[in-house]
Amino acid sequence: MYVRIEASFIKVKYGVVGTRMREVVRAAKDVGGGGIRFPVNKRLPHGVKLDLELTLPHETVPIQAQAQVIWSARIHGRRTYEAGCQFTRIDPLDRGKIIRRVHQALRDRKPA
């Protein structure tokens, strides 16, 4: 199990595996070592596999990963959707970068 934090600092580009990556770049809602939640244009079916390109601040090379949609739902009171996804393929070093960001954010939040 991985801790998740709010992650508007991570930019997400996504596309269904086997199709062209969408040019829409979204700010993630939350992220952890095991997955990510972000806005999507439409409800995505449970189980669909996505190609992801994640851009972390101060990193020169985006993270390439694959994830499976665990849930997708309309945002209450809006016309947009969100998807919660579990990473199914991600380089361990890239997962480590995400985990370090999560831990750093948690340390930064704690009062001295």
PDB file of N, CA and C in Angstrom:
ATOM      1  N   MET A   1       0.848  -1.173   0.000  1.00  0.00           N
ATOM      2  CA  MET A   1       0.000   0.000   0.000  1.00  0.00           C
ATOM      3  C   MET A   1       0.897   1.241   0.000  1.00  0.00           C
ATOM      4  N   TYR A   2       0.492   2.245  -0.760  1.00  0.00           N
ATOM      5  CA  TYR A   2       1.259   3.473  -0.891  1.00  0.00           C
ATOM      6  C   TYR A   2       0.440   4.655  -0.382  1.00  0.00           C
ATOM      7  N   VAL A   3       1.128   5.607   0.215  1.00  0.00           N
ATOM      8  CA  VAL A   3       0.501   6.853   0.646  1.00  0.00           C
ATOM      9  C   VAL A   3       0.293   7.720  -0.589  1.00  0.00           C
ATOM     10  N   ARG A   4      -0.848   8.416  -0.635  1.00  0.00           N
ATOM     11  CA  ARG A   4      -1.113   9.354  -1.728  1.00  0.00           C
ATOM     12  C   ARG A   4      -1.216  10.762  -1.181  1.00  0.00           C
ATOM     13  N   ILE A   5      -0.833  11.724  -2.008  1.00  0.00           N
ATOM     14  CA  ILE A   5      -0.957  13.130  -1.636  1.00  0.00           C
ATOM     15  C   ILE A   5      -1.581  13.892  -2.796  1.00  0.00           C
ATOM     16  N   GLU A   6      -2.099  15.093  -2.500  1.00  0.00           N
ATOM     17  CA  GLU A   6      -2.548  15.980  -3.566  1.00  0.00           C
ATOM     18  C   GLU A   6      -1.352  16.245  -4.462  1.00  0.00           C
ATOM     19  N   ALA A   7      -1.590  16.285  -5.767  1.00  0.00           N
ATOM     20  CA  ALA A   7      -0.447  16.332  -6.685  1.00  0.00           C
ATOM     21  C   ALA A   7      -0.672  17.229  -7.888  1.00  0.00           C
ATOM     22  N   SER A   8      -1.207  18.407  -7.684  1.00  0.00           N
ATOM     23  CA  SER A   8      -1.426  19.293  -8.827  1.00  0.00           C
ATOM     24  C   SER A   8      -0.106  19.709  -9.479  1.00  0.00           C
ATOM     25  N   PHE A   9       1.015  19.411  -8.818  1.00  0.00           N
ATOM     26  CA  PHE A   9       2.337  19.736  -9.372  1.00  0.00           C
ATOM     27  C   PHE A   9       2.763  18.748 -10.453  1.00  0.00           C
ATOM     28  N   ILE A  10       2.046  17.627 -10.606  1.00  0.00           N
ATOM     29  CA  ILE A  10       2.366  16.636 -11.638  1.00  0.00           C
ATOM     30  C   ILE A  10       1.430  16.828 -12.826  1.00  0.00           C
ATOM     31  N   LYS A  11       2.002  16.947 -13.996  1.00  0.00           N
ATOM     32  CA  LYS A  11       1.223  17.069 -15.223  1.00  0.00           C
ATOM     33  C   LYS A  11       1.101  15.691 -15.868  1.00  0.00           C
ATOM     34  N   VAL A  12      -0.095  15.381 -16.369  1.00  0.00           N
ATOM     35  CA  VAL A  12      -0.388  14.055 -16.923  1.00  0.00           C
ATOM     36  C   VAL A  12      -0.843  14.183 -18.364  1.00  0.00           C
ATOM     37  N   LYS A  13      -0.224  13.399 -19.232  1.00  0.00           N
ATOM     38  CA  LYS A  13      -0.702  13.231 -20.598  1.00  0.00           C
ATOM     39  C   LYS A  13      -1.083  11.759 -20.687  1.00  0.00           C
ATOM     40  N   TYR A  14      -2.244  11.458 -21.266  1.00  0.00           N
ATOM     41  CA  TYR A  14      -2.685  10.066 -21.266  1.00  0.00           C
ATOM     42  C   TYR A  14      -3.339   9.686 -22.578  1.00  0.00           C
ATOM     43  N   GLY A  15      -3.399   8.388 -22.809  1.00  0.00           N
ATOM     44  CA  GLY A  15      -4.097   7.840 -23.956  1.00  0.00           C
ATOM     45  C   GLY A  15      -4.347   6.363 -23.715  1.00  0.00           C
ATOM     46  N   VAL A  16      -5.390   5.830 -24.313  1.00  0.00           N
ATOM     47  CA  VAL A  16      -5.681   4.403 -24.199  1.00  0.00           C
ATOM     48  C   VAL A  16      -4.572   3.643 -24.924  1.00  0.00           C
ATOM     49  N   VAL A  17      -4.079   2.572 -24.304  1.00  0.00           N
ATOM     50  CA  VAL A  17      -3.004   1.774 -24.902  1.00  0.00           C
ATOM     51  C   VAL A  17      -3.401   1.372 -26.312  1.00  0.00           C
ATOM     52  N   GLY A  18      -2.473   1.534 -27.235  1.00  0.00           N
ATOM     53  CA  GLY A  18      -2.718   1.181 -28.625  1.00  0.00           C
ATOM     54  C   GLY A  18      -3.260   2.320 -29.465  1.00  0.00           C
ATOM     55  N   THR A  19      -3.566   3.451 -28.830  1.00  0.00           N
ATOM     56  CA  THR A  19      -4.006   4.629 -29.573  1.00  0.00           C
ATOM     57  C   THR A  19      -2.966   5.731 -29.377  1.00  0.00           C
ATOM     58  N   ARG A  20      -3.112   6.772 -30.148  1.00  0.00           N
ATOM     59  CA  ARG A  20      -2.168   7.883 -30.032  1.00  0.00           C
ATOM     60  C   ARG A  20      -2.362   8.613 -28.706  1.00  0.00           C
ATOM     61  N   MET A  21      -1.265   8.980 -28.080  1.00  0.00           N
ATOM     62  CA  MET A  21      -1.321   9.716 -26.815  1.00  0.00           C
ATOM     63  C   MET A  21      -2.041  11.039 -27.052  1.00  0.00           C
ATOM     64  N   ARG A  22      -2.968  11.352 -26.170  1.00  0.00           N
ATOM     65  CA  ARG A  22      -3.695  12.608 -26.285  1.00  0.00           C
ATOM     66  C   ARG A  22      -2.770  13.774 -25.964  1.00  0.00           C
ATOM     67  N   GLU A  23      -3.044  14.888 -26.557  1.00  0.00           N
ATOM     68  CA  GLU A  23      -2.232  16.075 -26.313  1.00  0.00           C
ATOM     69  C   GLU A  23      -2.728  16.867 -25.116  1.00  0.00           C
ATOM     70  N   VAL A  24      -3.829  16.428 -24.525  1.00  0.00           N
ATOM     71  CA  VAL A  24      -4.385  17.122 -23.365  1.00  0.00           C
ATOM     72  C   VAL A  24      -3.472  16.876 -22.169  1.00  0.00           C
ATOM     73  N   VAL A  25      -3.038  17.944 -21.547  1.00  0.00           N
ATOM     74  CA  VAL A  25      -2.210  17.830 -20.364  1.00  0.00           C
ATOM     75  C   VAL A  25      -3.052  18.274 -19.172  1.00  0.00           C
ATOM     76  N   ARG A  26      -3.114  17.435 -18.172  1.00  0.00           N
ATOM     77  CA  ARG A  26      -3.923  17.698 -16.978  1.00  0.00           C
ATOM     78  C   ARG A  26      -3.030  17.736 -15.744  1.00  0.00           C
ATOM     79  N   ALA A  27      -3.471  18.458 -14.741  1.00  0.00           N
ATOM     80  CA  ALA A  27      -2.804  18.421 -13.446  1.00  0.00           C
ATOM     81  C   ALA A  27      -3.400  17.262 -12.655  1.00  0.00           C
ATOM     82  N   ALA A  28      -2.542  16.427 -12.097  1.00  0.00           N
ATOM     83  CA  ALA A  28      -3.016  15.305 -11.300  1.00  0.00           C
ATOM     84  C   ALA A  28      -3.747  15.807 -10.064  1.00  0.00           C
ATOM     85  N   LYS A  29      -4.690  15.007  -9.575  1.00  0.00           N
ATOM     86  CA  LYS A  29      -5.392  15.324  -8.327  1.00  0.00           C
ATOM     87  C   LYS A  29      -4.627  14.751  -7.142  1.00  0.00           C
ATOM     88  N   ASP A  30      -4.216  13.486  -7.265  1.00  0.00           N
ATOM     89  CA  ASP A  30      -3.371  12.894  -6.240  1.00  0.00           C
ATOM     90  C   ASP A  30      -2.509  11.805  -6.865  1.00  0.00           C
ATOM     91  N   VAL A  31      -1.440  11.446  -6.143  1.00  0.00           N
ATOM     92  CA  VAL A  31      -0.494  10.459  -6.647  1.00  0.00           C
ATOM     93  C   VAL A  31       0.155   9.743  -5.473  1.00  0.00           C
ATOM     94  N   GLY A  32       0.578   8.529  -5.740  1.00  0.00           N
ATOM     95  CA  GLY A  32       1.358   7.741  -4.794  1.00  0.00           C
ATOM     96  C   GLY A  32       2.178   6.755  -5.597  1.00  0.00           C
ATOM     97  N   GLY A  33       2.953   5.949  -4.921  1.00  0.00           N
ATOM     98  CA  GLY A  33       3.786   4.985  -5.616  1.00  0.00           C
ATOM     99  C   GLY A  33       2.995   3.931  -6.371  1.00  0.00           C
ATOM    100  N   GLY A  34       1.722   3.757  -6.011  1.00  0.00           N
ATOM    101  CA  GLY A  34       0.913   2.723  -6.644  1.00  0.00           C
ATOM    102  C   GLY A  34      -0.029   3.201  -7.724  1.00  0.00           C
ATOM    103  N   GLY A  35      -0.250   4.536  -7.801  1.00  0.00           N
ATOM    104  CA  GLY A  35      -1.190   5.004  -8.804  1.00  0.00           C
ATOM    105  C   GLY A  35      -1.414   6.498  -8.757  1.00  0.00           C
ATOM    106  N   ILE A  36      -2.404   6.920  -9.539  1.00  0.00           N
ATOM    107  CA  ILE A  36      -2.648   8.343  -9.730  1.00  0.00           C
ATOM    108  C   ILE A  36      -4.132   8.581 -10.023  1.00  0.00           C
ATOM    109  N   ARG A  37      -4.618   9.762  -9.648  1.00  0.00           N
ATOM    110  CA  ARG A  37      -5.989  10.191  -9.983  1.00  0.00           C
ATOM    111  C   ARG A  37      -5.873  11.519 -10.704  1.00  0.00           C
ATOM    112  N   PHE A  38      -6.600  11.643 -11.837  1.00  0.00           N
ATOM    113  CA  PHE A  38      -6.519  12.877 -12.620  1.00  0.00           C
ATOM    114  C   PHE A  38      -7.795  13.082 -13.432  1.00  0.00           C
ATOM    115  N   PRO A  39      -8.052  14.325 -13.855  1.00  0.00           N
ATOM    116  CA  PRO A  39      -9.236  14.611 -14.673  1.00  0.00           C
ATOM    117  C   PRO A  39      -9.106  13.982 -16.064  1.00  0.00           C
ATOM    118  N   VAL A  40     -10.229  13.539 -16.598  1.00  0.00           N
ATOM    119  CA  VAL A  40     -10.282  12.971 -17.950  1.00  0.00           C
ATOM    120  C   VAL A  40     -11.464  13.597 -18.692  1.00  0.00           C
ATOM    121  N   ASN A  41     -11.452  13.481 -20.011  1.00  0.00           N
ATOM    122  CA  ASN A  41     -12.496  14.105 -20.827  1.00  0.00           C
ATOM    123  C   ASN A  41     -13.837  13.391 -20.763  1.00  0.00           C
ATOM    124  N   LYS A  42     -13.799  12.085 -20.509  1.00  0.00           N
ATOM    125  CA  LYS A  42     -15.031  11.299 -20.466  1.00  0.00           C
ATOM    126  C   LYS A  42     -14.827  10.138 -19.505  1.00  0.00           C
ATOM    127  N   ARG A  43     -15.916   9.505 -19.126  1.00  0.00           N
ATOM    128  CA  ARG A  43     -15.812   8.331 -18.246  1.00  0.00           C
ATOM    129  C   ARG A  43     -15.042   7.241 -18.976  1.00  0.00           C
ATOM    130  N   LEU A  44     -14.058   6.681 -18.306  1.00  0.00           N
ATOM    131  CA  LEU A  44     -13.261   5.594 -18.868  1.00  0.00           C
ATOM    132  C   LEU A  44     -13.729   4.268 -18.275  1.00  0.00           C
ATOM    133  N   PRO A  45     -13.831   3.233 -19.078  1.00  0.00           N
ATOM    134  CA  PRO A  45     -14.293   1.940 -18.567  1.00  0.00           C
ATOM    135  C   PRO A  45     -13.314   1.350 -17.551  1.00  0.00           C
ATOM    136  N   HIS A  46     -13.866   0.699 -16.540  1.00  0.00           N
ATOM    137  CA  HIS A  46     -13.046  -0.007 -15.554  1.00  0.00           C
ATOM    138  C   HIS A  46     -12.182  -1.027 -16.279  1.00  0.00           C
ATOM    139  N   GLY A  47     -10.912  -1.066 -15.943  1.00  0.00           N
ATOM    140  CA  GLY A  47     -10.007  -2.052 -16.521  1.00  0.00           C
ATOM    141  C   GLY A  47      -9.257  -1.605 -17.751  1.00  0.00           C
ATOM    142  N   VAL A  48      -9.669  -0.480 -18.372  1.00  0.00           N
ATOM    143  CA  VAL A  48      -8.968  -0.035 -19.575  1.00  0.00           C
ATOM    144  C   VAL A  48      -7.533   0.343 -19.199  1.00  0.00           C
ATOM    145  N   LYS A  49      -6.597   0.027 -20.099  1.00  0.00           N
ATOM    146  CA  LYS A  49      -5.182   0.324 -19.859  1.00  0.00           C
ATOM    147  C   LYS A  49      -4.812   1.636 -20.541  1.00  0.00           C
ATOM    148  N   LEU A  50      -4.048   2.446 -19.812  1.00  0.00           N
ATOM    149  CA  LEU A  50      -3.645   3.758 -20.308  1.00  0.00           C
ATOM    150  C   LEU A  50      -2.126   3.867 -20.389  1.00  0.00           C
ATOM    151  N   ASP A  51      -1.665   4.544 -21.434  1.00  0.00           N
ATOM    152  CA  ASP A  51      -0.282   5.001 -21.490  1.00  0.00           C
ATOM    153  C   ASP A  51      -0.263   6.362 -20.815  1.00  0.00           C
ATOM    154  N   LEU A  52       0.687   6.571 -19.915  1.00  0.00           N
ATOM    155  CA  LEU A  52       0.798   7.835 -19.197  1.00  0.00           C
ATOM    156  C   LEU A  52       2.165   8.450 -19.424  1.00  0.00           C
ATOM    157  N   GLU A  53       2.169   9.765 -19.473  1.00  0.00           N
ATOM    158  CA  GLU A  53       3.411  10.520 -19.453  1.00  0.00           C
ATOM    159  C   GLU A  53       3.258  11.522 -18.319  1.00  0.00           C
ATOM    160  N   LEU A  54       4.063  11.370 -17.273  1.00  0.00           N
ATOM    161  CA  LEU A  54       3.972  12.204 -16.085  1.00  0.00           C
ATOM    162  C   LEU A  54       5.164  13.146 -16.037  1.00  0.00           C
ATOM    163  N   THR A  55       4.888  14.422 -15.874  1.00  0.00           N
ATOM    164  CA  THR A  55       5.952  15.412 -15.778  1.00  0.00           C
ATOM    165  C   THR A  55       6.005  15.948 -14.358  1.00  0.00           C
ATOM    166  N   LEU A  56       7.123  15.680 -13.694  1.00  0.00           N
ATOM    167  CA  LEU A  56       7.351  16.174 -12.342  1.00  0.00           C
ATOM    168  C   LEU A  56       8.160  17.461 -12.415  1.00  0.00           C
ATOM    169  N   PRO A  57       7.905  18.382 -11.496  1.00  0.00           N
ATOM    170  CA  PRO A  57       8.687  19.621 -11.501  1.00  0.00           C
ATOM    171  C   PRO A  57      10.180  19.318 -11.306  1.00  0.00           C
ATOM    172  N   HIS A  58      10.992  20.087 -11.957  1.00  0.00           N
ATOM    173  CA  HIS A  58      12.448  20.008 -11.838  1.00  0.00           C
ATOM    174  C   HIS A  58      13.024  18.713 -12.392  1.00  0.00           C
ATOM    175  N   GLU A  59      12.248  17.964 -13.148  1.00  0.00           N
ATOM    176  CA  GLU A  59      12.739  16.752 -13.817  1.00  0.00           C
ATOM    177  C   GLU A  59      12.767  17.044 -15.313  1.00  0.00           C
ATOM    178  N   THR A  60      13.874  16.691 -15.960  1.00  0.00           N
ATOM    179  CA  THR A  60      14.007  16.999 -17.382  1.00  0.00           C
ATOM    180  C   THR A  60      13.352  15.961 -18.285  1.00  0.00           C
ATOM    181  N   VAL A  61      13.219  14.721 -17.781  1.00  0.00           N
ATOM    182  CA  VAL A  61      12.656  13.642 -18.595  1.00  0.00           C
ATOM    183  C   VAL A  61      11.333  13.186 -17.971  1.00  0.00           C
ATOM    184  N   PRO A  62      10.234  13.217 -18.743  1.00  0.00           N
ATOM    185  CA  PRO A  62       8.955  12.736 -18.204  1.00  0.00           C
ATOM    186  C   PRO A  62       8.996  11.247 -17.888  1.00  0.00           C
ATOM    187  N   ILE A  63       8.176  10.832 -16.945  1.00  0.00           N
ATOM    188  CA  ILE A  63       8.024   9.420 -16.590  1.00  0.00           C
ATOM    189  C   ILE A  63       7.029   8.787 -17.558  1.00  0.00           C
ATOM    190  N   GLN A  64       7.428   7.680 -18.163  1.00  0.00           N
ATOM    191  CA  GLN A  64       6.542   6.902 -19.029  1.00  0.00           C
ATOM    192  C   GLN A  64       6.040   5.716 -18.209  1.00  0.00           C
ATOM    193  N   ALA A  65       4.736   5.514 -18.178  1.00  0.00           N
ATOM    194  CA  ALA A  65       4.168   4.422 -17.395  1.00  0.00           C
ATOM    195  C   ALA A  65       2.900   3.923 -18.062  1.00  0.00           C
ATOM    196  N   GLN A  66       2.441   2.768 -17.607  1.00  0.00           N
ATOM    197  CA  GLN A  66       1.115   2.276 -17.968  1.00  0.00           C
ATOM    198  C   GLN A  66       0.331   2.095 -16.687  1.00  0.00           C
ATOM    199  N   ALA A  67      -0.976   2.278 -16.800  1.00  0.00           N
ATOM    200  CA  ALA A  67      -1.855   2.142 -15.642  1.00  0.00           C
ATOM    201  C   ALA A  67      -3.178   1.549 -16.090  1.00  0.00           C
ATOM    202  N   GLN A  68      -3.868   0.964 -15.138  1.00  0.00           N
ATOM    203  CA  GLN A  68      -5.199   0.405 -15.385  1.00  0.00           C
ATOM    204  C   GLN A  68      -6.211   1.248 -14.624  1.00  0.00           C
ATOM    205  N   VAL A  69      -7.307   1.589 -15.299  1.00  0.00           N
ATOM    206  CA  VAL A  69      -8.368   2.366 -14.662  1.00  0.00           C
ATOM    207  C   VAL A  69      -9.074   1.480 -13.640  1.00  0.00           C
ATOM    208  N   ILE A  70      -9.092   1.934 -12.393  1.00  0.00           N
ATOM    209  CA  ILE A  70      -9.775   1.220 -11.313  1.00  0.00           C
ATOM    210  C   ILE A  70     -11.192   1.764 -11.164  1.00  0.00           C
ATOM    211  N   TRP A  71     -11.338   3.074 -11.340  1.00  0.00           N
ATOM    212  CA  TRP A  71     -12.659   3.707 -11.308  1.00  0.00           C
ATOM    213  C   TRP A  71     -12.607   4.986 -12.136  1.00  0.00           C
ATOM    214  N   SER A  72     -13.757   5.394 -12.606  1.00  0.00           N
ATOM    215  CA  SER A  72     -13.897   6.650 -13.334  1.00  0.00           C
ATOM    216  C   SER A  72     -15.301   7.165 -13.053  1.00  0.00           C
ATOM    217  N   ALA A  73     -15.407   8.440 -12.710  1.00  0.00           N
ATOM    218  CA  ALA A  73     -16.705   8.995 -12.327  1.00  0.00           C
ATOM    219  C   ALA A  73     -16.771  10.479 -12.668  1.00  0.00           C
ATOM    220  N   ARG A  74     -17.993  10.934 -12.823  1.00  0.00           N
ATOM    221  CA  ARG A  74     -18.224  12.359 -13.057  1.00  0.00           C
ATOM    222  C   ARG A  74     -17.976  13.119 -11.765  1.00  0.00           C
ATOM    223  N   ILE A  75     -17.343  14.271 -11.877  1.00  0.00           N
ATOM    224  CA  ILE A  75     -17.087  15.116 -10.719  1.00  0.00           C
ATOM    225  C   ILE A  75     -18.400  15.781 -10.334  1.00  0.00           C
ATOM    226  N   HIS A  76     -18.777  15.654  -9.079  1.00  0.00           N
ATOM    227  CA  HIS A  76     -20.057  16.177  -8.583  1.00  0.00           C
ATOM    228  C   HIS A  76     -20.238  17.654  -8.971  1.00  0.00           C
ATOM    229  N   GLY A  77     -21.354  17.944  -9.623  1.00  0.00           N
ATOM    230  CA  GLY A  77     -21.695  19.309 -10.000  1.00  0.00           C
ATOM    231  C   GLY A  77     -20.945  19.853 -11.197  1.00  0.00           C
ATOM    232  N   ARG A  78     -20.218  18.995 -11.908  1.00  0.00           N
ATOM    233  CA  ARG A  78     -19.450  19.449 -13.073  1.00  0.00           C
ATOM    234  C   ARG A  78     -19.718  18.548 -14.267  1.00  0.00           C
ATOM    235  N   ARG A  79     -19.225  18.975 -15.405  1.00  0.00           N
ATOM    236  CA  ARG A  79     -19.364  18.176 -16.624  1.00  0.00           C
ATOM    237  C   ARG A  79     -18.097  17.387 -16.943  1.00  0.00           C
ATOM    238  N   THR A  80     -17.170  17.376 -16.020  1.00  0.00           N
ATOM    239  CA  THR A  80     -15.908  16.670 -16.240  1.00  0.00           C
ATOM    240  C   THR A  80     -15.853  15.407 -15.382  1.00  0.00           C
ATOM    241  N   TYR A  81     -14.870  14.566 -15.677  1.00  0.00           N
ATOM    242  CA  TYR A  81     -14.712  13.271 -15.021  1.00  0.00           C
ATOM    243  C   TYR A  81     -13.326  13.166 -14.403  1.00  0.00           C
ATOM    244  N   GLU A  82     -13.173  12.173 -13.545  1.00  0.00           N
ATOM    245  CA  GLU A  82     -11.875  11.810 -12.987  1.00  0.00           C
ATOM    246  C   GLU A  82     -11.696  10.316 -13.147  1.00  0.00           C
ATOM    247  N   ALA A  83     -10.433   9.899 -13.157  1.00  0.00           N
ATOM    248  CA  ALA A  83     -10.121   8.482 -13.192  1.00  0.00           C
ATOM    249  C   ALA A  83      -9.084   8.180 -12.125  1.00  0.00           C
ATOM    250  N   GLY A  84      -9.317   7.101 -11.398  1.00  0.00           N
ATOM    251  CA  GLY A  84      -8.340   6.588 -10.445  1.00  0.00           C
ATOM    252  C   GLY A  84      -7.669   5.392 -11.085  1.00  0.00           C
ATOM    253  N   CYS A  85      -6.342   5.436 -11.161  1.00  0.00           N
ATOM    254  CA  CYS A  85      -5.606   4.417 -11.905  1.00  0.00           C
ATOM    255  C   CYS A  85      -4.501   3.795 -11.057  1.00  0.00           C
ATOM    256  N   GLN A  86      -4.269   2.512 -11.286  1.00  0.00           N
ATOM    257  CA  GLN A  86      -3.191   1.778 -10.632  1.00  0.00           C
ATOM    258  C   GLN A  86      -2.088   1.552 -11.655  1.00  0.00           C
ATOM    259  N   PHE A  87      -0.845   1.886 -11.280  1.00  0.00           N
ATOM    260  CA  PHE A  87       0.272   1.641 -12.182  1.00  0.00           C
ATOM    261  C   PHE A  87       0.418   0.145 -12.425  1.00  0.00           C
ATOM    262  N   THR A  88       0.552  -0.230 -13.697  1.00  0.00           N
ATOM    263  CA  THR A  88       0.784  -1.631 -14.045  1.00  0.00           C
ATOM    264  C   THR A  88       2.175  -1.818 -14.635  1.00  0.00           C
ATOM    265  N   ARG A  89       2.750  -0.738 -15.138  1.00  0.00           N
ATOM    266  CA  ARG A  89       4.115  -0.782 -15.662  1.00  0.00           C
ATOM    267  C   ARG A  89       4.753   0.577 -15.422  1.00  0.00           C
ATOM    268  N   ILE A  90       5.786   0.578 -14.584  1.00  0.00           N
ATOM    269  CA  ILE A  90       6.526   1.807 -14.304  1.00  0.00           C
ATOM    270  C   ILE A  90       7.927   1.400 -13.879  1.00  0.00           C
ATOM    271  N   ASP A  91       8.907   2.101 -14.370  1.00  0.00           N
ATOM    272  CA  ASP A  91      10.288   1.819 -13.995  1.00  0.00           C
ATOM    273  C   ASP A  91      10.444   2.012 -12.485  1.00  0.00           C
ATOM    274  N   PRO A  92      11.087   1.080 -11.799  1.00  0.00           N
ATOM    275  CA  PRO A  92      11.255   1.213 -10.350  1.00  0.00           C
ATOM    276  C   PRO A  92      11.926   2.530  -9.936  1.00  0.00           C
ATOM    277  N   LEU A  93      12.850   3.030 -10.746  1.00  0.00           N
ATOM    278  CA  LEU A  93      13.491   4.312 -10.427  1.00  0.00           C
ATOM    279  C   LEU A  93      12.488   5.458 -10.515  1.00  0.00           C
ATOM    280  N   ASP A  94      11.581   5.388 -11.485  1.00  0.00           N
ATOM    281  CA  ASP A  94      10.544   6.418 -11.615  1.00  0.00           C
ATOM    282  C   ASP A  94       9.545   6.330 -10.467  1.00  0.00           C
ATOM    283  N   ARG A  95       9.188   5.106 -10.075  1.00  0.00           N
ATOM    284  CA  ARG A  95       8.302   4.940  -8.915  1.00  0.00           C
ATOM    285  C   ARG A  95       8.975   5.557  -7.684  1.00  0.00           C
ATOM    286  N   GLY A  96      10.279   5.341  -7.572  1.00  0.00           N
ATOM    287  CA  GLY A  96      11.039   5.914  -6.463  1.00  0.00           C
ATOM    288  C   GLY A  96      10.996   7.437  -6.460  1.00  0.00           C
ATOM    289  N   LYS A  97      11.058   8.055  -7.637  1.00  0.00           N
ATOM    290  CA  LYS A  97      10.957   9.516  -7.725  1.00  0.00           C
ATOM    291  C   LYS A  97       9.618   9.997  -7.182  1.00  0.00           C
ATOM    292  N   ILE A  98       8.554   9.290  -7.546  1.00  0.00           N
ATOM    293  CA  ILE A  98       7.215   9.661  -7.068  1.00  0.00           C
ATOM    294  C   ILE A  98       7.139   9.498  -5.552  1.00  0.00           C
ATOM    295  N   ILE A  99       7.622   8.377  -5.047  1.00  0.00           N
ATOM    296  CA  ILE A  99       7.572   8.122  -3.606  1.00  0.00           C
ATOM    297  C   ILE A  99       8.373   9.183  -2.846  1.00  0.00           C
ATOM    298  N   ARG A 100       9.539   9.547  -3.354  1.00  0.00           N
ATOM    299  CA  ARG A 100      10.334  10.600  -2.699  1.00  0.00           C
ATOM    300  C   ARG A 100       9.588  11.921  -2.670  1.00  0.00           C
ATOM    301  N   ARG A 101       8.896  12.258  -3.767  1.00  0.00           N
ATOM    302  CA  ARG A 101       8.099  13.497  -3.804  1.00  0.00           C
ATOM    303  C   ARG A 101       6.982  13.457  -2.767  1.00  0.00           C
ATOM    304  N   VAL A 102       6.329  12.312  -2.659  1.00  0.00           N
ATOM    305  CA  VAL A 102       5.254  12.158  -1.675  1.00  0.00           C
ATOM    306  C   VAL A 102       5.809  12.360  -0.270  1.00  0.00           C
ATOM    307  N   HIS A 103       6.908  11.687   0.045  1.00  0.00           N
ATOM    308  CA  HIS A 103       7.488  11.800   1.383  1.00  0.00           C
ATOM    309  C   HIS A 103       7.964  13.223   1.670  1.00  0.00           C
ATOM    310  N   GLN A 104       8.562  13.860   0.670  1.00  0.00           N
ATOM    311  CA  GLN A 104       9.011  15.251   0.860  1.00  0.00           C
ATOM    312  C   GLN A 104       7.817  16.166   1.127  1.00  0.00           C
ATOM    313  N   ALA A 105       6.751  15.996   0.390  1.00  0.00           N
ATOM    314  CA  ALA A 105       5.545  16.815   0.589  1.00  0.00           C
ATOM    315  C   ALA A 105       4.974  16.598   1.983  1.00  0.00           C
ATOM    316  N   LEU A 106       4.985  15.361   2.463  1.00  0.00           N
ATOM    317  CA  LEU A 106       4.474  15.070   3.806  1.00  0.00           C
ATOM    318  C   LEU A 106       5.376  15.721   4.865  1.00  0.00           C
ATOM    319  N   ARG A 107       6.686  15.680   4.677  1.00  0.00           N
ATOM    320  CA  ARG A 107       7.611  16.325   5.624  1.00  0.00           C
ATOM    321  C   ARG A 107       7.398  17.828   5.633  1.00  0.00           C
ATOM    322  N   ASP A 108       7.176  18.400   4.449  1.00  0.00           N
ATOM    323  CA  ASP A 108       6.997  19.857   4.346  1.00  0.00           C
ATOM    324  C   ASP A 108       5.699  20.318   5.038  1.00  0.00           C
ATOM    325  N   ARG A 109       4.719  19.456   5.123  1.00  0.00           N
ATOM    326  CA  ARG A 109       3.435  19.811   5.735  1.00  0.00           C
ATOM    327  C   ARG A 109       3.475  19.817   7.255  1.00  0.00           C
ATOM    328  N   LYS A 110       4.335  19.002   7.832  1.00  0.00           N
ATOM    329  CA  LYS A 110       4.350  18.841   9.289  1.00  0.00           C
ATOM    330  C   LYS A 110       4.897  20.110   9.967  1.00  0.00           C
ATOM    331  N   PRO A 111       4.195  20.576  11.010  1.00  0.00           N
ATOM    332  CA  PRO A 111       4.707  21.749  11.730  1.00  0.00           C
ATOM    333  C   PRO A 111       5.984  21.391  12.483  1.00  0.00           C
ATOM    334  N   ALA A 112       6.857  22.363  12.589  1.00  0.00           N
ATOM    335  CA  ALA A 112       8.144  22.149  13.271  1.00  0.00           C
ATOM    336  C   ALA A 112       7.987  22.063  14.771  1.00  0.00           C
TER     337      ALA A 112
END
